[in-house]
Amino acid sequence: MTDAASSLLMGAVAMASFVAMLFFLRHWRQTADSFFLLFALSFGLDAATRVILGLWRIAEETEPFIYLARLVTFGLIIVAIVQKNRPTR
């Protein structure tokens, strides 16, 4: 894949993640449920990392930091799901 096509695809995925973040933020404001806030944070972080990957050439030494951000993103989603499915007392 060429650099231009890769950057275009990163931009499209970043935009989709940003729209998903706005969607979850709207539902969080209506319900005040932390599930929606955690999902909004995870999609916002994903959008930010996609923009960084699309705009800058990442050196091999700094590449693990991008994957660390993705680990945090998926960790937030897991925390939200586990928290939502925990039985209430």
C-alpha atoms as a PDB file:
ATOM      1  CA  MET A   1       0.000   0.000   0.000  1.00  0.00           C
ATOM      2  CA  THR A   2       1.329   3.440  -0.847  1.00  0.00           C
ATOM      3  CA  ASP A   3       1.945   6.133   1.753  1.00  0.00           C
ATOM      4  CA  ALA A   4      -0.892   8.271   0.406  1.00  0.00           C
ATOM      5  CA  ALA A   5      -3.384   5.419   0.556  1.00  0.00           C
ATOM      6  CA  SER A   6      -2.215   4.480   4.037  1.00  0.00           C
ATOM      7  CA  SER A   7      -2.608   8.065   5.268  1.00  0.00           C
ATOM      8  CA  LEU A   8      -6.050   8.302   3.683  1.00  0.00           C
ATOM      9  CA  LEU A   9      -7.142   5.089   5.361  1.00  0.00           C
ATOM     10  CA  MET A  10      -5.769   6.249   8.732  1.00  0.00           C
ATOM     11  CA  GLY A  11      -7.733   9.481   8.344  1.00  0.00           C
ATOM     12  CA  ALA A  12     -10.940   7.611   7.586  1.00  0.00           C
ATOM     13  CA  VAL A  13     -10.528   5.342  10.610  1.00  0.00           C
ATOM     14  CA  ALA A  14      -9.672   8.347  12.808  1.00  0.00           C
ATOM     15  CA  MET A  15     -12.822  10.131  11.638  1.00  0.00           C
ATOM     16  CA  ALA A  16     -14.952   7.044  12.320  1.00  0.00           C
ATOM     17  CA  SER A  17     -13.466   6.726  15.811  1.00  0.00           C
ATOM     18  CA  PHE A  18     -14.131  10.419  16.453  1.00  0.00           C
ATOM     19  CA  VAL A  19     -17.778  10.032  15.383  1.00  0.00           C
ATOM     20  CA  ALA A  20     -18.126   6.994  17.665  1.00  0.00           C
ATOM     21  CA  MET A  21     -16.651   9.053  20.503  1.00  0.00           C
ATOM     22  CA  LEU A  22     -19.252  11.780  19.943  1.00  0.00           C
ATOM     23  CA  PHE A  23     -22.008   9.160  19.855  1.00  0.00           C
ATOM     24  CA  PHE A  24     -20.964   7.695  23.208  1.00  0.00           C
ATOM     25  CA  LEU A  25     -20.474  11.135  24.756  1.00  0.00           C
ATOM     26  CA  ARG A  26     -24.026  12.067  23.824  1.00  0.00           C
ATOM     27  CA  HIS A  27     -25.372   8.928  25.482  1.00  0.00           C
ATOM     28  CA  TRP A  28     -23.197   9.518  28.559  1.00  0.00           C
ATOM     29  CA  ARG A  29     -24.624  13.046  28.932  1.00  0.00           C
ATOM     30  CA  GLN A  30     -28.174  11.645  28.733  1.00  0.00           C
ATOM     31  CA  THR A  31     -27.686   8.704  31.119  1.00  0.00           C
ATOM     32  CA  ALA A  32     -24.586   9.562  33.225  1.00  0.00           C
ATOM     33  CA  ASP A  33     -23.574   5.895  32.839  1.00  0.00           C
ATOM     34  CA  SER A  34     -19.810   5.386  33.133  1.00  0.00           C
ATOM     35  CA  PHE A  35     -20.026   2.662  30.464  1.00  0.00           C
ATOM     36  CA  PHE A  36     -20.591   5.296  27.788  1.00  0.00           C
ATOM     37  CA  LEU A  37     -17.876   7.576  29.188  1.00  0.00           C
ATOM     38  CA  LEU A  38     -15.267   4.805  29.106  1.00  0.00           C
ATOM     39  CA  PHE A  39     -16.221   3.900  25.551  1.00  0.00           C
ATOM     40  CA  ALA A  40     -16.012   7.574  24.540  1.00  0.00           C
ATOM     41  CA  LEU A  41     -12.548   7.855  26.088  1.00  0.00           C
ATOM     42  CA  SER A  42     -11.363   4.717  24.320  1.00  0.00           C
ATOM     43  CA  PHE A  43     -12.590   5.869  20.912  1.00  0.00           C
ATOM     44  CA  GLY A  44     -11.130   9.342  21.484  1.00  0.00           C
ATOM     45  CA  LEU A  45      -7.739   7.834  22.285  1.00  0.00           C
ATOM     46  CA  ASP A  46      -7.998   5.601  19.220  1.00  0.00           C
ATOM     47  CA  ALA A  47      -8.791   8.609  17.023  1.00  0.00           C
ATOM     48  CA  ALA A  48      -5.808  10.512  18.416  1.00  0.00           C
ATOM     49  CA  THR A  49      -3.387   7.648  17.787  1.00  0.00           C
ATOM     50  CA  ARG A  50      -4.705   7.197  14.234  1.00  0.00           C
ATOM     51  CA  VAL A  51      -4.147  10.903  13.527  1.00  0.00           C
ATOM     52  CA  ILE A  52      -0.606  10.652  14.888  1.00  0.00           C
ATOM     53  CA  LEU A  53       0.082   7.589  12.743  1.00  0.00           C
ATOM     54  CA  GLY A  54      -1.377   9.280   9.666  1.00  0.00           C
ATOM     55  CA  LEU A  55       0.502  12.562   9.994  1.00  0.00           C
ATOM     56  CA  TRP A  56       3.933  11.546  11.225  1.00  0.00           C
ATOM     57  CA  ARG A  57       6.365   8.862  10.312  1.00  0.00           C
ATOM     58  CA  ILE A  58       6.959   6.960  13.503  1.00  0.00           C
ATOM     59  CA  ALA A  59      10.514   5.782  14.148  1.00  0.00           C
ATOM     60  CA  GLU A  60      11.101   2.199  15.203  1.00  0.00           C
ATOM     61  CA  GLU A  61      12.155   3.325  18.686  1.00  0.00           C
ATOM     62  CA  THR A  62       8.852   5.111  19.368  1.00  0.00           C
ATOM     63  CA  GLU A  63       6.546   2.562  17.747  1.00  0.00           C
ATOM     64  CA  PRO A  64       5.851   0.649  21.010  1.00  0.00           C
ATOM     65  CA  PHE A  65       4.247   3.795  22.460  1.00  0.00           C
ATOM     66  CA  ILE A  66       1.559   3.642  19.771  1.00  0.00           C
ATOM     67  CA  TYR A  67       0.800   0.049  20.710  1.00  0.00           C
ATOM     68  CA  LEU A  68       0.759   1.036  24.381  1.00  0.00           C
ATOM     69  CA  ALA A  69      -1.963   3.570  23.541  1.00  0.00           C
ATOM     70  CA  ARG A  70      -3.934   0.827  21.793  1.00  0.00           C
ATOM     71  CA  LEU A  71      -3.499  -1.402  24.838  1.00  0.00           C
ATOM     72  CA  VAL A  72      -4.996   1.361  26.985  1.00  0.00           C
ATOM     73  CA  THR A  73      -7.818   1.771  24.457  1.00  0.00           C
ATOM     74  CA  PHE A  74      -8.800  -1.892  24.578  1.00  0.00           C
ATOM     75  CA  GLY A  75      -8.245  -1.971  28.340  1.00  0.00           C
ATOM     76  CA  LEU A  76     -10.816   0.812  28.774  1.00  0.00           C
ATOM     77  CA  ILE A  77     -13.312  -1.164  26.714  1.00  0.00           C
ATOM     78  CA  ILE A  78     -12.730  -4.293  28.811  1.00  0.00           C
ATOM     79  CA  VAL A  79     -13.094  -2.318  32.054  1.00  0.00           C
ATOM     80  CA  ALA A  80     -16.360  -0.802  30.798  1.00  0.00           C
ATOM     81  CA  ILE A  81     -17.806  -4.197  29.877  1.00  0.00           C
ATOM     82  CA  VAL A  82     -16.736  -5.875  33.134  1.00  0.00           C
ATOM     83  CA  GLN A  83     -18.046  -2.947  35.183  1.00  0.00           C
ATOM     84  CA  LYS A  84     -21.384  -3.011  33.376  1.00  0.00           C
ATOM     85  CA  ASN A  85     -21.848  -6.766  33.870  1.00  0.00           C
ATOM     86  CA  ARG A  86     -20.942  -6.804  37.550  1.00  0.00           C
ATOM     87  CA  PRO A  87     -23.919  -7.719  39.701  1.00  0.00           C
ATOM     88  CA  THR A  88     -25.341  -4.859  41.749  1.00  0.00           C
ATOM     89  CA  ARG A  89     -25.882  -5.235  45.468  1.00  0.00           C
END
